[in-house]
Amino acid sequence: MKKLLLVLAIALGAASYSTAQEISGNALGIRIGDGDGLGTELSYQRALGGNNRLELDLGYEDGRNFNAFKLTGMYHWVWNIDGGFNWYAGPGGGFAVVSIDDDFPGRLDSDDDSETSVFVGGQVGIEYNFDIPLLLSLDVRPEFYFGEFRDGNDIDIALGIRYQF
């Protein structure tokens, strides 16, 4: 049994090594999606070595009855599919700060208020690296929130456009 596990571990390691692709050291751009209000984010990706990277996103929304900031951090493992196509997945989390106006529907008090929610989640997506320093991606990010204003889950689907350097 131990020999079988050792052979399996070596085979998986060799397979992941053979499909690894060098990813760009840095990428900066935007992520446009549908996240219940925080749909557009400034996005920065930083390679951590091999096929791993960190993604940091800062989103802002100026809604009719609220303003909100959202900071997200995601860790990605990146695998090459073919040529410039990659897919990636990883865990992450962040927090959102919401400034709520006194006329927000469903609010019992009449004062302006600020609330903070934290969340955990994951991200899975597909991307294409062009021959020029352009990276396009499409991903889905399920998020699980803990807080007063936003409590529960949300699924964020987004298109990313980034400049690689």
C-alpha atoms as a PDB file:
ATOM      1  CA  MET A   1       0.000   0.000   0.000  1.00  0.00           C
ATOM      2  CA  LYS A   2       2.842   2.389   0.857  1.00  0.00           C
ATOM      3  CA  LYS A   3       4.527   1.675  -2.489  1.00  0.00           C
ATOM      4  CA  LEU A   4       1.264   2.370  -4.318  1.00  0.00           C
ATOM      5  CA  LEU A   5       0.856   5.712  -2.532  1.00  0.00           C
ATOM      6  CA  LEU A   6       4.476   6.627  -3.281  1.00  0.00           C
ATOM      7  CA  VAL A   7       4.060   5.797  -6.989  1.00  0.00           C
ATOM      8  CA  LEU A   8       0.793   7.762  -7.104  1.00  0.00           C
ATOM      9  CA  ALA A   9       2.414  10.794  -5.442  1.00  0.00           C
ATOM     10  CA  ILE A  10       5.349  10.714  -7.872  1.00  0.00           C
ATOM     11  CA  ALA A  11       3.011  10.377 -10.871  1.00  0.00           C
ATOM     12  CA  LEU A  12       0.837  13.320  -9.733  1.00  0.00           C
ATOM     13  CA  GLY A  13       3.905  15.438  -9.051  1.00  0.00           C
ATOM     14  CA  ALA A  14       5.369  14.666 -12.468  1.00  0.00           C
ATOM     15  CA  ALA A  15       2.057  15.424 -14.180  1.00  0.00           C
ATOM     16  CA  SER A  16       1.682  18.777 -12.447  1.00  0.00           C
ATOM     17  CA  TYR A  17       5.311  19.657 -13.181  1.00  0.00           C
ATOM     18  CA  SER A  18       4.984  18.771 -16.862  1.00  0.00           C
ATOM     19  CA  THR A  19       1.895  20.973 -17.291  1.00  0.00           C
ATOM     20  CA  ALA A  20       3.273  23.933 -15.370  1.00  0.00           C
ATOM     21  CA  GLN A  21       3.796  27.110 -17.368  1.00  0.00           C
ATOM     22  CA  GLU A  22       5.747  30.188 -16.491  1.00  0.00           C
ATOM     23  CA  ILE A  23       3.264  32.862 -15.489  1.00  0.00           C
ATOM     24  CA  SER A  24       3.836  36.603 -15.660  1.00  0.00           C
ATOM     25  CA  GLY A  25       5.499  38.241 -12.657  1.00  0.00           C
ATOM     26  CA  ASN A  26       2.862  40.989 -12.405  1.00  0.00           C
ATOM     27  CA  ALA A  27      -0.472  41.784 -14.005  1.00  0.00           C
ATOM     28  CA  LEU A  28      -2.608  44.882 -13.448  1.00  0.00           C
ATOM     29  CA  GLY A  29      -6.078  45.582 -14.778  1.00  0.00           C
ATOM     30  CA  ILE A  30      -9.786  45.391 -14.065  1.00  0.00           C
ATOM     31  CA  ARG A  31     -12.245  42.643 -13.240  1.00  0.00           C
ATOM     32  CA  ILE A  32     -15.793  43.375 -14.414  1.00  0.00           C
ATOM     33  CA  GLY A  33     -18.516  41.200 -12.988  1.00  0.00           C
ATOM     34  CA  ASP A  34     -21.763  40.763 -11.220  1.00  0.00           C
ATOM     35  CA  GLY A  35     -21.271  40.637  -7.443  1.00  0.00           C
ATOM     36  CA  ASP A  36     -24.489  42.099  -6.087  1.00  0.00           C
ATOM     37  CA  GLY A  37     -23.237  45.640  -6.376  1.00  0.00           C
ATOM     38  CA  LEU A  38     -19.483  45.346  -6.201  1.00  0.00           C
ATOM     39  CA  GLY A  39     -19.086  44.355  -9.813  1.00  0.00           C
ATOM     40  CA  THR A  40     -16.035  46.334 -10.982  1.00  0.00           C
ATOM     41  CA  GLU A  41     -12.681  45.839  -9.291  1.00  0.00           C
ATOM     42  CA  LEU A  42      -9.113  47.013  -9.777  1.00  0.00           C
ATOM     43  CA  SER A  43      -7.112  43.808  -9.971  1.00  0.00           C
ATOM     44  CA  TYR A  44      -3.434  43.035  -9.316  1.00  0.00           C
ATOM     45  CA  GLN A  45      -1.783  39.633  -9.706  1.00  0.00           C
ATOM     46  CA  ARG A  46       1.679  38.775  -8.376  1.00  0.00           C
ATOM     47  CA  ALA A  47       3.505  35.534  -9.202  1.00  0.00           C
ATOM     48  CA  LEU A  48       4.755  33.698  -6.130  1.00  0.00           C
ATOM     49  CA  GLY A  49       6.879  31.161  -7.971  1.00  0.00           C
ATOM     50  CA  GLY A  50       6.265  28.291 -10.349  1.00  0.00           C
ATOM     51  CA  ASN A  51       2.580  28.132 -11.104  1.00  0.00           C
ATOM     52  CA  ASN A  52       1.306  29.983  -7.993  1.00  0.00           C
ATOM     53  CA  ARG A  53       0.184  33.575  -7.664  1.00  0.00           C
ATOM     54  CA  LEU A  54      -1.664  36.010  -5.427  1.00  0.00           C
ATOM     55  CA  GLU A  55      -4.559  38.148  -6.689  1.00  0.00           C
ATOM     56  CA  LEU A  56      -5.663  41.318  -4.880  1.00  0.00           C
ATOM     57  CA  ASP A  57      -8.852  43.094  -5.952  1.00  0.00           C
ATOM     58  CA  LEU A  58     -10.307  46.405  -4.771  1.00  0.00           C
ATOM     59  CA  GLY A  59     -13.938  47.055  -5.679  1.00  0.00           C
ATOM     60  CA  TYR A  60     -16.102  50.141  -5.207  1.00  0.00           C
ATOM     61  CA  GLU A  61     -19.783  50.822  -5.805  1.00  0.00           C
ATOM     62  CA  ASP A  62     -21.773  54.009  -5.499  1.00  0.00           C
ATOM     63  CA  GLY A  63     -25.322  52.666  -5.221  1.00  0.00           C
ATOM     64  CA  ARG A  64     -28.553  54.612  -4.928  1.00  0.00           C
ATOM     65  CA  ASN A  65     -28.818  54.086  -1.167  1.00  0.00           C
ATOM     66  CA  PHE A  66     -25.322  52.928  -0.234  1.00  0.00           C
ATOM     67  CA  ASN A  67     -21.609  53.169  -1.017  1.00  0.00           C
ATOM     68  CA  ALA A  68     -19.326  50.183  -0.596  1.00  0.00           C
ATOM     69  CA  PHE A  69     -15.662  49.130  -0.755  1.00  0.00           C
ATOM     70  CA  LYS A  70     -14.555  45.520  -1.045  1.00  0.00           C
ATOM     71  CA  LEU A  71     -11.022  44.137  -0.692  1.00  0.00           C
ATOM     72  CA  THR A  72     -10.383  40.572  -1.834  1.00  0.00           C
ATOM     73  CA  GLY A  73      -7.284  38.378  -1.691  1.00  0.00           C
ATOM     74  CA  MET A  74      -7.081  35.070  -3.596  1.00  0.00           C
ATOM     75  CA  TYR A  75      -4.366  32.441  -3.880  1.00  0.00           C
ATOM     76  CA  HIS A  76      -4.212  30.711  -7.293  1.00  0.00           C
ATOM     77  CA  TRP A  77      -2.721  27.511  -8.573  1.00  0.00           C
ATOM     78  CA  VAL A  78      -2.366  27.857 -12.360  1.00  0.00           C
ATOM     79  CA  TRP A  79      -2.323  24.928 -14.828  1.00  0.00           C
ATOM     80  CA  ASN A  80      -1.669  25.077 -18.557  1.00  0.00           C
ATOM     81  CA  ILE A  81      -4.346  23.636 -20.844  1.00  0.00           C
ATOM     82  CA  ASP A  82      -2.761  24.260 -24.240  1.00  0.00           C
ATOM     83  CA  GLY A  83      -0.594  27.055 -25.599  1.00  0.00           C
ATOM     84  CA  GLY A  84      -1.735  30.328 -24.015  1.00  0.00           C
ATOM     85  CA  PHE A  85      -4.793  28.803 -22.315  1.00  0.00           C
ATOM     86  CA  ASN A  86      -4.574  28.240 -18.555  1.00  0.00           C
ATOM     87  CA  TRP A  87      -7.048  27.392 -15.856  1.00  0.00           C
ATOM     88  CA  TYR A  88      -6.695  28.348 -12.217  1.00  0.00           C
ATOM     89  CA  ALA A  89      -8.301  27.717  -8.859  1.00  0.00           C
ATOM     90  CA  GLY A  90      -7.722  28.691  -5.255  1.00  0.00           C
ATOM     91  CA  PRO A  91      -9.043  29.879  -1.897  1.00  0.00           C
ATOM     92  CA  GLY A  92      -9.281  33.380  -0.488  1.00  0.00           C
ATOM     93  CA  GLY A  93     -11.274  35.919   1.428  1.00  0.00           C
ATOM     94  CA  GLY A  94     -11.650  39.566   2.276  1.00  0.00           C
ATOM     95  CA  PHE A  95     -13.931  42.200   3.706  1.00  0.00           C
ATOM     96  CA  ALA A  96     -16.481  44.759   2.578  1.00  0.00           C
ATOM     97  CA  VAL A  97     -17.292  48.129   4.167  1.00  0.00           C
ATOM     98  CA  VAL A  98     -20.748  49.465   3.369  1.00  0.00           C
ATOM     99  CA  SER A  99     -21.977  52.987   4.094  1.00  0.00           C
ATOM    100  CA  ILE A 100     -25.778  52.836   4.185  1.00  0.00           C
ATOM    101  CA  ASP A 101     -28.008  55.895   3.647  1.00  0.00           C
ATOM    102  CA  ASP A 102     -30.935  56.546   5.961  1.00  0.00           C
ATOM    103  CA  ASP A 103     -33.416  55.910   3.133  1.00  0.00           C
ATOM    104  CA  PHE A 104     -32.176  52.377   2.389  1.00  0.00           C
ATOM    105  CA  PRO A 105     -35.238  50.090   1.881  1.00  0.00           C
ATOM    106  CA  GLY A 106     -35.976  47.808   4.821  1.00  0.00           C
ATOM    107  CA  ARG A 107     -33.963  49.787   7.368  1.00  0.00           C
ATOM    108  CA  LEU A 108     -35.717  50.355  10.677  1.00  0.00           C
ATOM    109  CA  ASP A 109     -33.552  53.192  11.955  1.00  0.00           C
ATOM    110  CA  SER A 110     -33.316  56.540  10.230  1.00  0.00           C
ATOM    111  CA  ASP A 111     -29.583  57.148  10.728  1.00  0.00           C
ATOM    112  CA  ASP A 112     -26.811  56.731   8.219  1.00  0.00           C
ATOM    113  CA  ASP A 113     -24.743  53.709   9.164  1.00  0.00           C
ATOM    114  CA  SER A 114     -21.557  51.866   8.212  1.00  0.00           C
ATOM    115  CA  GLU A 115     -21.172  48.129   8.459  1.00  0.00           C
ATOM    116  CA  THR A 116     -18.387  45.668   7.784  1.00  0.00           C
ATOM    117  CA  SER A 117     -18.721  42.127   6.484  1.00  0.00           C
ATOM    118  CA  VAL A 118     -15.959  39.560   6.162  1.00  0.00           C
ATOM    119  CA  PHE A 119     -16.080  36.700   3.700  1.00  0.00           C
ATOM    120  CA  VAL A 120     -14.306  33.528   2.635  1.00  0.00           C
ATOM    121  CA  GLY A 121     -14.514  31.979  -0.779  1.00  0.00           C
ATOM    122  CA  GLY A 122     -12.809  30.378  -3.696  1.00  0.00           C
ATOM    123  CA  GLN A 123     -12.183  31.151  -7.321  1.00  0.00           C
ATOM    124  CA  VAL A 124     -11.956  29.028 -10.451  1.00  0.00           C
ATOM    125  CA  GLY A 125     -11.450  30.324 -13.961  1.00  0.00           C
ATOM    126  CA  ILE A 126      -9.898  30.132 -17.384  1.00  0.00           C
ATOM    127  CA  GLU A 127      -7.494  32.638 -18.945  1.00  0.00           C
ATOM    128  CA  TYR A 128      -5.670  33.307 -22.182  1.00  0.00           C
ATOM    129  CA  ASN A 129      -2.164  34.821 -22.397  1.00  0.00           C
ATOM    130  CA  PHE A 130      -1.729  36.632 -25.703  1.00  0.00           C
ATOM    131  CA  ASP A 131       1.667  37.064 -27.403  1.00  0.00           C
ATOM    132  CA  ILE A 132       1.393  40.731 -26.434  1.00  0.00           C
ATOM    133  CA  PRO A 133       1.328  41.515 -22.676  1.00  0.00           C
ATOM    134  CA  LEU A 134      -2.456  41.062 -22.427  1.00  0.00           C
ATOM    135  CA  LEU A 135      -4.289  38.556 -20.229  1.00  0.00           C
ATOM    136  CA  LEU A 136      -8.044  37.872 -20.539  1.00  0.00           C
ATOM    137  CA  SER A 137      -9.842  35.744 -17.977  1.00  0.00           C
ATOM    138  CA  LEU A 138     -13.318  34.517 -17.107  1.00  0.00           C
ATOM    139  CA  ASP A 139     -13.924  33.233 -13.595  1.00  0.00           C
ATOM    140  CA  VAL A 140     -16.488  32.423 -10.956  1.00  0.00           C
ATOM    141  CA  ARG A 141     -15.998  33.299  -7.271  1.00  0.00           C
ATOM    142  CA  PRO A 142     -18.435  31.886  -4.689  1.00  0.00           C
ATOM    143  CA  GLU A 143     -18.309  34.021  -1.518  1.00  0.00           C
ATOM    144  CA  PHE A 144     -19.718  33.300   1.959  1.00  0.00           C
ATOM    145  CA  TYR A 145     -20.336  36.482   4.001  1.00  0.00           C
ATOM    146  CA  PHE A 146     -20.510  37.016   7.760  1.00  0.00           C
ATOM    147  CA  GLY A 147     -21.958  40.364   8.855  1.00  0.00           C
ATOM    148  CA  GLU A 148     -25.100  42.390   9.435  1.00  0.00           C
ATOM    149  CA  PHE A 149     -25.640  44.037   6.054  1.00  0.00           C
ATOM    150  CA  ARG A 150     -24.449  41.115   3.981  1.00  0.00           C
ATOM    151  CA  ASP A 151     -24.904  37.711   5.568  1.00  0.00           C
ATOM    152  CA  GLY A 152     -25.066  34.594   3.423  1.00  0.00           C
ATOM    153  CA  ASN A 153     -23.590  33.630   0.095  1.00  0.00           C
ATOM    154  CA  ASP A 154     -23.044  35.272  -3.267  1.00  0.00           C
ATOM    155  CA  ILE A 155     -21.623  34.098  -6.594  1.00  0.00           C
ATOM    156  CA  ASP A 156     -19.485  36.588  -8.507  1.00  0.00           C
ATOM    157  CA  ILE A 157     -18.889  35.892 -12.219  1.00  0.00           C
ATOM    158  CA  ALA A 158     -16.404  38.225 -13.899  1.00  0.00           C
ATOM    159  CA  LEU A 159     -14.332  39.017 -16.968  1.00  0.00           C
ATOM    160  CA  GLY A 160     -10.764  40.149 -16.264  1.00  0.00           C
ATOM    161  CA  ILE A 161      -8.591  42.299 -18.542  1.00  0.00           C
ATOM    162  CA  ARG A 162      -5.006  42.758 -17.341  1.00  0.00           C
ATOM    163  CA  TYR A 163      -1.710  44.152 -18.600  1.00  0.00           C
ATOM    164  CA  GLN A 164       1.240  41.847 -17.801  1.00  0.00           C
ATOM    165  CA  PHE A 165       4.671  43.152 -16.888  1.00  0.00           C
END
